[in-house]
Structures are given as structure tokens and as C-alpha cells.
Amino acid sequence: MAFEVKKIDPLDLQPRKAVGVDLPFSGKAVFNSTYQTKDAIRANLLNFFLTGQGERFMNPTFGTGLRNFLFENIDEGTVRKVNNSIRRSLELYFPRVIPTSISLEGIPDTNTVQFFMSYAIAETNIEDELIINIET
């Protein structure tokens, strides 16, 4: 009987070693550290989605520009466009992240756009989801 072996990042096995930096930047010494790969990837994805294209110095294609959709009508065409754009960007900047579900919903009563993505990390047993509420 065959079974699939999942890889574990060796840094996750050392509880005192920080893997990355968490958001928001409001820790005791400005930065809060992440100690697991799952948390580091989630913080990196959050940073990626909240960064607009052209906003990062020396890397103008980094980011998604989700805030640009705040003032657009959310319909099937917009959702399809966002979905395709995000999948292309993730393939470029996060090739091990496999999005399993992406949705974008406009909430007109509160002038909010809610972005939801569930994802898995290739060759690991890590699965997580990300919800971003963009408000005016």
C-alpha cells in the first residue's frame, strides 16, 4: 500500500527559531516574529495582497492591487479577472502556494470588499485560509 510522505520544514522543529516577521508591526520591539512556516507564509501572503502593483520600490510587479477593486462593481467578470490575476501572481511569487478557493464579495452597505482565499502548500500538509476586508 503506497502512502504520501509530507515534508516538514526543519525550522518548524526548533521552537525558539523565528521563521519570519508577523503583521501588523506593533510588537514590543516593533516586529513580532513567526515561529512556524504556516504563520510566515500567511503573513507573506497578507503583505502580498495588501501591496499594490508599483508600490514596492525596485519590484514594480509585486502585489495584487486588491484595493483597486473597492470602487468597481463586483460581478462575475470582475471576480474572474481577480481570480486569474491572483493565480498568475501566486505562480510567480509563491510557486508552492496552491489556491484551492478564491472569492471576492462586495458588501455595499458597509462599503467593504471581502477577499477570501483558501490554499495549500505543495509537498506539505499545510492548509490555511486568508480573509481580507478592504474598507473605505
N, C-alpha and C. Protein backbone atom coordinates (compact mmCIF):
# COMPACT_ATOMS: atom_id res chain seq x y z
N MET A 1 0.85 -1.17 0.00
CA MET A 1 0.00 0.00 0.00
C MET A 1 0.89 1.23 0.00
N ALA A 2 0.70 2.14 -0.95
CA ALA A 2 1.51 3.35 -1.07
C ALA A 2 0.92 4.46 -0.22
N PHE A 3 1.79 5.30 0.29
CA PHE A 3 1.35 6.47 1.03
C PHE A 3 2.27 7.63 0.70
N GLU A 4 1.75 8.82 0.87
CA GLU A 4 2.49 10.03 0.52
C GLU A 4 3.19 10.58 1.76
N VAL A 5 4.48 10.84 1.62
CA VAL A 5 5.26 11.38 2.73
C VAL A 5 5.24 12.90 2.62
N LYS A 6 4.83 13.57 3.69
CA LYS A 6 4.79 15.02 3.72
C LYS A 6 6.08 15.54 4.33
N LYS A 7 6.60 16.62 3.74
CA LYS A 7 7.82 17.22 4.25
C LYS A 7 7.49 18.24 5.33
N ILE A 8 8.33 18.33 6.33
CA ILE A 8 8.19 19.34 7.39
C ILE A 8 9.42 20.21 7.34
N ASP A 9 9.22 21.52 7.32
CA ASP A 9 10.34 22.44 7.32
C ASP A 9 11.14 22.23 8.60
N PRO A 10 12.47 22.05 8.51
CA PRO A 10 13.25 21.79 9.72
C PRO A 10 13.21 22.93 10.74
N LEU A 11 12.95 24.15 10.29
CA LEU A 11 12.86 25.25 11.24
C LEU A 11 11.64 25.14 12.14
N ASP A 12 10.59 24.47 11.66
CA ASP A 12 9.39 24.28 12.48
C ASP A 12 9.66 23.34 13.66
N LEU A 13 10.71 22.55 13.58
CA LEU A 13 11.05 21.62 14.65
C LEU A 13 11.87 22.28 15.76
N GLN A 14 12.31 23.52 15.53
CA GLN A 14 13.10 24.25 16.52
C GLN A 14 12.25 25.41 17.02
N PRO A 15 11.57 25.24 18.16
CA PRO A 15 10.56 26.20 18.59
C PRO A 15 11.10 27.61 18.91
N ARG A 16 12.37 27.78 19.15
CA ARG A 16 12.89 29.10 19.50
C ARG A 16 13.43 29.87 18.31
N LYS A 17 13.46 29.25 17.13
CA LYS A 17 13.97 29.93 15.94
C LYS A 17 12.83 30.58 15.18
N ALA A 18 12.96 31.88 14.97
CA ALA A 18 11.94 32.60 14.22
C ALA A 18 12.10 32.31 12.73
N VAL A 19 10.97 32.18 12.04
CA VAL A 19 10.97 31.89 10.62
C VAL A 19 10.75 33.17 9.81
N GLY A 20 9.94 34.09 10.33
CA GLY A 20 9.62 35.30 9.60
C GLY A 20 9.13 36.39 10.51
N VAL A 21 8.53 37.42 9.89
CA VAL A 21 8.01 38.58 10.60
C VAL A 21 6.51 38.62 10.43
N ASP A 22 5.79 38.85 11.53
CA ASP A 22 4.33 38.85 11.51
C ASP A 22 3.80 40.27 11.28
N LEU A 23 2.56 40.35 10.84
CA LEU A 23 1.87 41.62 10.68
C LEU A 23 0.79 41.71 11.74
N PRO A 24 0.43 42.85 12.23
CA PRO A 24 0.97 44.18 11.99
C PRO A 24 2.27 44.40 12.78
N PHE A 25 2.98 45.45 12.39
CA PHE A 25 4.24 45.79 13.05
C PHE A 25 3.94 46.57 14.34
N SER A 26 3.54 45.86 15.36
CA SER A 26 3.20 46.54 16.62
C SER A 26 3.65 45.74 17.83
N GLY A 27 4.76 45.04 17.71
CA GLY A 27 5.26 44.24 18.82
C GLY A 27 6.06 45.08 19.80
N LYS A 28 6.62 44.43 20.79
CA LYS A 28 7.41 45.13 21.80
C LYS A 28 8.60 45.84 21.17
N ALA A 29 9.24 45.19 20.23
CA ALA A 29 10.38 45.80 19.54
C ALA A 29 10.02 46.06 18.09
N VAL A 30 8.84 46.52 17.83
CA VAL A 30 8.25 46.84 16.53
C VAL A 30 7.83 45.58 15.77
N PHE A 31 8.68 44.57 15.71
CA PHE A 31 8.38 43.37 14.94
C PHE A 31 7.99 42.21 15.84
N ASN A 32 6.95 41.51 15.46
CA ASN A 32 6.60 40.23 16.09
C ASN A 32 7.11 39.13 15.17
N SER A 33 7.74 38.14 15.71
CA SER A 33 8.28 37.05 14.90
C SER A 33 7.26 35.94 14.74
N THR A 34 7.38 35.21 13.63
CA THR A 34 6.59 34.00 13.43
C THR A 34 7.53 32.82 13.62
N TYR A 35 7.03 31.76 14.23
CA TYR A 35 7.87 30.62 14.57
C TYR A 35 7.52 29.35 13.81
N GLN A 36 6.52 29.42 12.95
CA GLN A 36 6.16 28.28 12.13
C GLN A 36 6.02 28.72 10.68
N THR A 37 6.31 27.81 9.78
CA THR A 37 6.25 28.10 8.35
C THR A 37 4.85 28.53 7.94
N LYS A 38 3.83 27.90 8.50
CA LYS A 38 2.44 28.23 8.17
C LYS A 38 2.15 29.70 8.48
N ASP A 39 2.60 30.20 9.63
CA ASP A 39 2.36 31.58 10.02
C ASP A 39 3.17 32.55 9.16
N ALA A 40 4.40 32.17 8.81
CA ALA A 40 5.24 33.03 7.98
C ALA A 40 4.65 33.17 6.58
N ILE A 41 4.18 32.07 6.01
CA ILE A 41 3.58 32.13 4.67
C ILE A 41 2.31 32.96 4.69
N ARG A 42 1.52 32.82 5.73
CA ARG A 42 0.28 33.60 5.85
C ARG A 42 0.59 35.10 5.92
N ALA A 43 1.59 35.49 6.71
CA ALA A 43 1.98 36.89 6.82
C ALA A 43 2.53 37.41 5.49
N ASN A 44 3.31 36.58 4.79
CA ASN A 44 3.84 36.99 3.49
C ASN A 44 2.72 37.16 2.46
N LEU A 45 1.73 36.26 2.49
CA LEU A 45 0.60 36.39 1.57
C LEU A 45 -0.23 37.64 1.88
N LEU A 46 -0.44 37.91 3.16
CA LEU A 46 -1.18 39.12 3.55
C LEU A 46 -0.45 40.37 3.06
N ASN A 47 0.84 40.42 3.23
CA ASN A 47 1.65 41.54 2.75
C ASN A 47 1.53 41.65 1.23
N PHE A 48 1.58 40.52 0.53
CA PHE A 48 1.49 40.49 -0.92
C PHE A 48 0.14 41.03 -1.41
N PHE A 49 -0.95 40.59 -0.77
CA PHE A 49 -2.27 41.00 -1.21
C PHE A 49 -2.58 42.46 -0.88
N LEU A 50 -2.01 42.98 0.16
CA LEU A 50 -2.26 44.38 0.54
C LEU A 50 -1.32 45.37 -0.14
N THR A 51 -0.36 44.86 -0.90
CA THR A 51 0.55 45.72 -1.65
C THR A 51 0.02 45.91 -3.05
N GLY A 52 -0.04 47.15 -3.49
CA GLY A 52 -0.48 47.45 -4.85
C GLY A 52 0.66 47.32 -5.82
N GLN A 53 0.37 46.92 -7.06
CA GLN A 53 1.43 46.84 -8.06
C GLN A 53 2.00 48.23 -8.29
N GLY A 54 3.33 48.30 -8.33
CA GLY A 54 4.00 49.57 -8.49
C GLY A 54 4.32 50.25 -7.17
N GLU A 55 3.87 49.67 -6.08
CA GLU A 55 4.06 50.26 -4.75
C GLU A 55 5.42 49.90 -4.15
N ARG A 56 5.96 48.76 -4.49
CA ARG A 56 7.22 48.31 -3.92
C ARG A 56 8.39 48.81 -4.78
N PHE A 57 9.31 49.46 -4.13
CA PHE A 57 10.49 50.02 -4.78
C PHE A 57 11.35 48.90 -5.37
N MET A 58 11.80 49.07 -6.59
CA MET A 58 12.66 48.13 -7.31
C MET A 58 11.98 46.80 -7.66
N ASN A 59 10.69 46.68 -7.40
CA ASN A 59 9.95 45.47 -7.75
C ASN A 59 8.52 45.87 -8.10
N PRO A 60 8.32 46.54 -9.23
CA PRO A 60 7.01 47.12 -9.54
C PRO A 60 5.90 46.12 -9.83
N THR A 61 6.23 44.86 -10.09
CA THR A 61 5.18 43.89 -10.38
C THR A 61 4.73 43.13 -9.14
N PHE A 62 5.36 43.37 -7.98
CA PHE A 62 4.98 42.69 -6.74
C PHE A 62 3.65 43.24 -6.25
N GLY A 63 2.76 42.38 -5.81
CA GLY A 63 1.48 42.80 -5.25
C GLY A 63 0.33 42.51 -6.18
N THR A 64 -0.88 42.72 -5.67
CA THR A 64 -2.08 42.41 -6.45
C THR A 64 -2.95 43.62 -6.73
N GLY A 65 -2.94 44.60 -5.88
CA GLY A 65 -3.79 45.76 -6.08
C GLY A 65 -5.25 45.47 -5.76
N LEU A 66 -5.52 44.69 -4.73
CA LEU A 66 -6.90 44.40 -4.36
C LEU A 66 -7.69 45.65 -4.03
N ARG A 67 -7.03 46.67 -3.49
CA ARG A 67 -7.74 47.91 -3.13
C ARG A 67 -8.33 48.59 -4.36
N ASN A 68 -7.80 48.31 -5.54
CA ASN A 68 -8.33 48.92 -6.76
C ASN A 68 -9.76 48.45 -7.05
N PHE A 69 -10.14 47.31 -6.52
CA PHE A 69 -11.47 46.77 -6.78
C PHE A 69 -12.52 47.32 -5.83
N LEU A 70 -12.11 48.17 -4.92
CA LEU A 70 -13.04 48.72 -3.94
C LEU A 70 -14.13 49.55 -4.60
N PHE A 71 -13.81 50.24 -5.68
CA PHE A 71 -14.76 51.14 -6.31
C PHE A 71 -15.32 50.58 -7.61
N GLU A 72 -15.18 49.29 -7.83
CA GLU A 72 -15.74 48.66 -9.02
C GLU A 72 -16.96 47.82 -8.63
N ASN A 73 -17.83 47.62 -9.61
CA ASN A 73 -18.95 46.71 -9.40
C ASN A 73 -18.41 45.29 -9.37
N ILE A 74 -18.78 44.55 -8.35
CA ILE A 74 -18.33 43.18 -8.24
C ILE A 74 -19.34 42.28 -8.95
N ASP A 75 -18.93 41.76 -10.10
CA ASP A 75 -19.78 40.83 -10.84
C ASP A 75 -18.91 39.63 -11.23
N GLU A 76 -19.47 38.73 -12.02
CA GLU A 76 -18.74 37.51 -12.38
C GLU A 76 -17.48 37.83 -13.18
N GLY A 77 -17.54 38.83 -14.03
CA GLY A 77 -16.37 39.21 -14.82
C GLY A 77 -15.25 39.75 -13.96
N THR A 78 -15.60 40.58 -12.97
CA THR A 78 -14.59 41.12 -12.05
C THR A 78 -13.97 40.02 -11.22
N VAL A 79 -14.80 39.12 -10.73
CA VAL A 79 -14.29 38.01 -9.91
C VAL A 79 -13.37 37.13 -10.74
N ARG A 80 -13.74 36.85 -11.98
CA ARG A 80 -12.90 36.04 -12.87
C ARG A 80 -11.57 36.73 -13.13
N LYS A 81 -11.62 38.06 -13.36
CA LYS A 81 -10.39 38.82 -13.61
C LYS A 81 -9.48 38.80 -12.39
N VAL A 82 -10.04 39.00 -11.21
CA VAL A 82 -9.25 38.96 -9.96
C VAL A 82 -8.67 37.57 -9.75
N ASN A 83 -9.49 36.55 -9.95
CA ASN A 83 -9.05 35.17 -9.77
C ASN A 83 -7.86 34.84 -10.68
N ASN A 84 -7.96 35.18 -11.96
CA ASN A 84 -6.88 34.91 -12.90
C ASN A 84 -5.62 35.70 -12.55
N SER A 85 -5.79 36.95 -12.19
CA SER A 85 -4.65 37.80 -11.83
C SER A 85 -3.94 37.26 -10.60
N ILE A 86 -4.70 36.86 -9.60
CA ILE A 86 -4.11 36.34 -8.37
C ILE A 86 -3.40 35.02 -8.62
N ARG A 87 -4.00 34.15 -9.39
CA ARG A 87 -3.36 32.86 -9.67
C ARG A 87 -2.04 33.06 -10.43
N ARG A 88 -2.00 33.97 -11.41
CA ARG A 88 -0.76 34.25 -12.14
C ARG A 88 0.30 34.83 -11.21
N SER A 89 -0.10 35.76 -10.35
CA SER A 89 0.85 36.39 -9.42
C SER A 89 1.38 35.38 -8.42
N LEU A 90 0.51 34.51 -7.92
CA LEU A 90 0.95 33.50 -6.96
C LEU A 90 1.93 32.52 -7.60
N GLU A 91 1.69 32.14 -8.87
CA GLU A 91 2.62 31.25 -9.56
C GLU A 91 4.00 31.88 -9.68
N LEU A 92 4.04 33.19 -9.83
CA LEU A 92 5.31 33.89 -9.99
C LEU A 92 6.04 34.08 -8.65
N TYR A 93 5.34 34.56 -7.63
CA TYR A 93 5.97 34.92 -6.36
C TYR A 93 5.87 33.85 -5.28
N PHE A 94 4.87 33.01 -5.34
CA PHE A 94 4.68 31.95 -4.34
C PHE A 94 4.37 30.64 -5.06
N PRO A 95 5.36 30.06 -5.73
CA PRO A 95 5.07 28.87 -6.54
C PRO A 95 4.61 27.64 -5.75
N ARG A 96 4.90 27.58 -4.46
CA ARG A 96 4.49 26.43 -3.65
C ARG A 96 3.09 26.60 -3.07
N VAL A 97 2.51 27.79 -3.18
CA VAL A 97 1.16 28.03 -2.68
C VAL A 97 0.16 27.64 -3.76
N ILE A 98 -0.75 26.74 -3.41
CA ILE A 98 -1.76 26.26 -4.35
C ILE A 98 -3.13 26.73 -3.87
N PRO A 99 -3.70 27.76 -4.52
CA PRO A 99 -5.02 28.23 -4.09
C PRO A 99 -6.09 27.19 -4.41
N THR A 100 -6.89 26.86 -3.41
CA THR A 100 -7.97 25.89 -3.62
C THR A 100 -9.31 26.60 -3.82
N SER A 101 -9.44 27.80 -3.27
CA SER A 101 -10.68 28.56 -3.42
C SER A 101 -10.36 30.05 -3.30
N ILE A 102 -10.88 30.83 -4.22
CA ILE A 102 -10.72 32.28 -4.18
C ILE A 102 -12.09 32.91 -4.40
N SER A 103 -12.45 33.85 -3.54
CA SER A 103 -13.72 34.55 -3.75
C SER A 103 -13.56 36.01 -3.39
N LEU A 104 -14.35 36.82 -4.05
CA LEU A 104 -14.36 38.26 -3.84
C LEU A 104 -15.82 38.67 -3.75
N GLU A 105 -16.16 39.36 -2.68
CA GLU A 105 -17.55 39.74 -2.45
C GLU A 105 -17.64 41.20 -2.08
N GLY A 106 -18.50 41.93 -2.76
CA GLY A 106 -18.75 43.31 -2.42
C GLY A 106 -19.89 43.42 -1.42
N ILE A 107 -19.69 44.22 -0.36
CA ILE A 107 -20.73 44.44 0.65
C ILE A 107 -21.07 45.92 0.61
N PRO A 108 -22.08 46.32 -0.18
CA PRO A 108 -22.36 47.74 -0.40
C PRO A 108 -22.81 48.50 0.84
N ASP A 109 -23.46 47.82 1.78
CA ASP A 109 -23.97 48.51 2.97
C ASP A 109 -22.84 49.09 3.82
N THR A 110 -21.69 48.46 3.80
CA THR A 110 -20.57 48.92 4.62
C THR A 110 -19.40 49.41 3.78
N ASN A 111 -19.59 49.55 2.45
CA ASN A 111 -18.52 49.94 1.54
C ASN A 111 -17.28 49.07 1.74
N THR A 112 -17.48 47.78 1.74
CA THR A 112 -16.41 46.83 2.01
C THR A 112 -16.33 45.81 0.88
N VAL A 113 -15.11 45.42 0.55
CA VAL A 113 -14.88 44.30 -0.34
C VAL A 113 -14.20 43.23 0.50
N GLN A 114 -14.76 42.02 0.50
CA GLN A 114 -14.17 40.93 1.27
C GLN A 114 -13.52 39.94 0.31
N PHE A 115 -12.23 39.70 0.55
CA PHE A 115 -11.45 38.75 -0.23
C PHE A 115 -11.21 37.52 0.62
N PHE A 116 -11.46 36.33 0.07
CA PHE A 116 -11.26 35.08 0.78
C PHE A 116 -10.45 34.15 -0.11
N MET A 117 -9.44 33.51 0.47
CA MET A 117 -8.67 32.51 -0.26
C MET A 117 -8.30 31.38 0.68
N SER A 118 -8.59 30.16 0.28
CA SER A 118 -8.07 29.00 0.99
C SER A 118 -6.97 28.41 0.11
N TYR A 119 -5.94 27.89 0.75
CA TYR A 119 -4.78 27.43 -0.01
C TYR A 119 -4.09 26.28 0.71
N ALA A 120 -3.27 25.59 -0.06
CA ALA A 120 -2.43 24.52 0.48
C ALA A 120 -1.00 24.80 0.03
N ILE A 121 -0.05 24.28 0.79
CA ILE A 121 1.36 24.43 0.44
C ILE A 121 1.83 23.10 -0.14
N ALA A 122 2.42 23.15 -1.34
CA ALA A 122 2.85 21.94 -2.02
C ALA A 122 3.86 21.16 -1.18
N GLU A 123 3.74 19.85 -1.23
CA GLU A 123 4.63 18.89 -0.57
C GLU A 123 4.61 18.98 0.95
N THR A 124 3.58 19.58 1.52
CA THR A 124 3.43 19.63 2.97
C THR A 124 1.99 19.31 3.30
N ASN A 125 1.68 19.24 4.57
CA ASN A 125 0.30 19.04 4.98
C ASN A 125 -0.30 20.35 5.48
N ILE A 126 0.27 21.48 5.05
CA ILE A 126 -0.19 22.79 5.50
C ILE A 126 -1.36 23.23 4.62
N GLU A 127 -2.48 23.54 5.27
CA GLU A 127 -3.63 24.14 4.61
C GLU A 127 -4.10 25.28 5.50
N ASP A 128 -4.48 26.39 4.88
CA ASP A 128 -4.89 27.56 5.65
C ASP A 128 -5.83 28.40 4.79
N GLU A 129 -6.36 29.44 5.38
CA GLU A 129 -7.21 30.37 4.64
C GLU A 129 -6.89 31.78 5.07
N LEU A 130 -7.22 32.71 4.20
CA LEU A 130 -6.92 34.11 4.41
C LEU A 130 -8.15 34.93 4.08
N ILE A 131 -8.56 35.81 4.99
CA ILE A 131 -9.70 36.69 4.76
C ILE A 131 -9.22 38.12 4.93
N ILE A 132 -9.48 38.96 3.92
CA ILE A 132 -9.09 40.36 3.97
C ILE A 132 -10.32 41.20 3.72
N ASN A 133 -10.64 42.09 4.64
CA ASN A 133 -11.72 43.05 4.46
C ASN A 133 -11.12 44.40 4.10
N ILE A 134 -11.48 44.91 2.95
CA ILE A 134 -10.96 46.20 2.49
C ILE A 134 -12.10 47.19 2.61
N GLU A 135 -11.91 48.22 3.45
CA GLU A 135 -12.95 49.20 3.73
C GLU A 135 -12.53 50.59 3.26
N THR A 136 -13.54 51.43 2.99
CA THR A 136 -13.22 52.81 2.63
C THR A 136 -13.17 53.66 3.87
